[in-house]
Amino acid sequence: QAQTPQQRRANLKFQKEQEARMGKSEEQIKKRVKETPKSPISPLWLILLAFVVFGGLFFEVISRIFFR
């Protein structure tokens, strides 16, 4: 059964990590800092979502203050 592209990428990443560990002690491996996980949603979409949620609230408050 052939590998999917996603499996191939995962296998290559695993292989690269294993090769980087070769010849190193456990202390050296533990000292290695894990890279921060990337957010699944881009900052642009987060800003847009925040505007939709809080923008409506903001405009509602403004309309209640000025247009009683």
C-alpha atoms as a PDB file:
ATOM      1  CA  GLN A   1       0.000   0.000   0.000  1.00  0.00           C
ATOM      2  CA  ALA A   2       1.435   3.359  -1.008  1.00  0.00           C
ATOM      3  CA  GLN A   3       1.922   6.198   1.438  1.00  0.00           C
ATOM      4  CA  THR A   4      -0.211   9.274   1.218  1.00  0.00           C
ATOM      5  CA  PRO A   5       1.612  12.615   0.958  1.00  0.00           C
ATOM      6  CA  GLN A   6       0.595  13.410   4.546  1.00  0.00           C
ATOM      7  CA  GLN A   7       2.044  10.110   5.814  1.00  0.00           C
ATOM      8  CA  ARG A   8       5.227  10.688   3.828  1.00  0.00           C
ATOM      9  CA  ARG A   9       5.688  14.160   5.367  1.00  0.00           C
ATOM     10  CA  ALA A  10       5.071  12.790   8.855  1.00  0.00           C
ATOM     11  CA  ASN A  11       7.553   9.960   8.296  1.00  0.00           C
ATOM     12  CA  LEU A  12      10.214  12.343   6.993  1.00  0.00           C
ATOM     13  CA  LYS A  13       9.702  14.644   9.981  1.00  0.00           C
ATOM     14  CA  PHE A  14       9.997  11.688  12.384  1.00  0.00           C
ATOM     15  CA  GLN A  15      13.124  10.444  10.619  1.00  0.00           C
ATOM     16  CA  LYS A  16      14.720  13.888  10.802  1.00  0.00           C
ATOM     17  CA  GLU A  17      13.989  14.144  14.546  1.00  0.00           C
ATOM     18  CA  GLN A  18      15.403  10.669  15.163  1.00  0.00           C
ATOM     19  CA  GLU A  19      18.590  11.459  13.232  1.00  0.00           C
ATOM     20  CA  ALA A  20      19.022  14.654  15.258  1.00  0.00           C
ATOM     21  CA  ARG A  21      18.871  12.577  18.466  1.00  0.00           C
ATOM     22  CA  MET A  22      21.547  10.086  17.401  1.00  0.00           C
ATOM     23  CA  GLY A  23      24.662  10.147  19.577  1.00  0.00           C
ATOM     24  CA  LYS A  24      23.191  12.488  22.191  1.00  0.00           C
ATOM     25  CA  SER A  25      22.486  11.774  25.843  1.00  0.00           C
ATOM     26  CA  GLU A  26      19.025  12.001  27.396  1.00  0.00           C
ATOM     27  CA  GLU A  27      19.940  15.286  29.105  1.00  0.00           C
ATOM     28  CA  GLN A  28      20.868  16.884  25.797  1.00  0.00           C
ATOM     29  CA  ILE A  29      17.639  15.659  24.241  1.00  0.00           C
ATOM     30  CA  LYS A  30      15.513  16.945  27.133  1.00  0.00           C
ATOM     31  CA  LYS A  31      17.189  20.369  26.973  1.00  0.00           C
ATOM     32  CA  ARG A  32      16.006  20.770  23.412  1.00  0.00           C
ATOM     33  CA  VAL A  33      13.148  23.213  23.334  1.00  0.00           C
ATOM     34  CA  LYS A  34      10.054  22.155  21.459  1.00  0.00           C
ATOM     35  CA  GLU A  35       8.942  24.601  18.827  1.00  0.00           C
ATOM     36  CA  THR A  36       5.725  26.445  19.574  1.00  0.00           C
ATOM     37  CA  PRO A  37       2.711  24.904  17.881  1.00  0.00           C
ATOM     38  CA  LYS A  38       1.323  26.941  15.031  1.00  0.00           C
ATOM     39  CA  SER A  39      -2.230  28.186  15.337  1.00  0.00           C
ATOM     40  CA  PRO A  40      -4.646  26.463  12.962  1.00  0.00           C
ATOM     41  CA  ILE A  41      -6.319  29.798  12.177  1.00  0.00           C
ATOM     42  CA  SER A  42      -4.514  32.801  10.712  1.00  0.00           C
ATOM     43  CA  PRO A  43      -4.307  36.133  12.589  1.00  0.00           C
ATOM     44  CA  LEU A  44      -6.350  37.812   9.844  1.00  0.00           C
ATOM     45  CA  TRP A  45      -9.296  35.468  10.471  1.00  0.00           C
ATOM     46  CA  LEU A  46      -8.973  35.981  14.237  1.00  0.00           C
ATOM     47  CA  ILE A  47      -9.167  39.753  13.772  1.00  0.00           C
ATOM     48  CA  LEU A  48     -12.170  39.392  11.478  1.00  0.00           C
ATOM     49  CA  LEU A  49     -13.930  37.098  13.954  1.00  0.00           C
ATOM     50  CA  ALA A  50     -13.206  39.501  16.831  1.00  0.00           C
ATOM     51  CA  PHE A  51     -14.592  42.390  14.778  1.00  0.00           C
ATOM     52  CA  VAL A  52     -17.780  40.481  13.998  1.00  0.00           C
ATOM     53  CA  VAL A  53     -18.313  39.475  17.620  1.00  0.00           C
ATOM     54  CA  PHE A  54     -17.171  42.613  19.440  1.00  0.00           C
ATOM     55  CA  GLY A  55     -17.903  45.086  16.634  1.00  0.00           C
ATOM     56  CA  GLY A  56     -21.614  44.355  16.848  1.00  0.00           C
ATOM     57  CA  LEU A  57     -21.501  44.850  20.591  1.00  0.00           C
ATOM     58  CA  PHE A  58     -19.543  48.085  20.187  1.00  0.00           C
ATOM     59  CA  PHE A  59     -22.001  49.514  17.641  1.00  0.00           C
ATOM     60  CA  GLU A  60     -24.938  48.487  19.821  1.00  0.00           C
ATOM     61  CA  VAL A  61     -23.496  50.360  22.822  1.00  0.00           C
ATOM     62  CA  ILE A  62     -22.785  53.435  20.689  1.00  0.00           C
ATOM     63  CA  SER A  63     -26.321  53.439  19.282  1.00  0.00           C
ATOM     64  CA  ARG A  64     -27.835  53.159  22.766  1.00  0.00           C
ATOM     65  CA  ILE A  65     -25.702  56.025  24.106  1.00  0.00           C
ATOM     66  CA  PHE A  66     -26.301  58.522  21.273  1.00  0.00           C
ATOM     67  CA  PHE A  67     -29.743  57.545  19.994  1.00  0.00           C
ATOM     68  CA  ARG A  68     -31.840  57.157  23.133  1.00  0.00           C
END
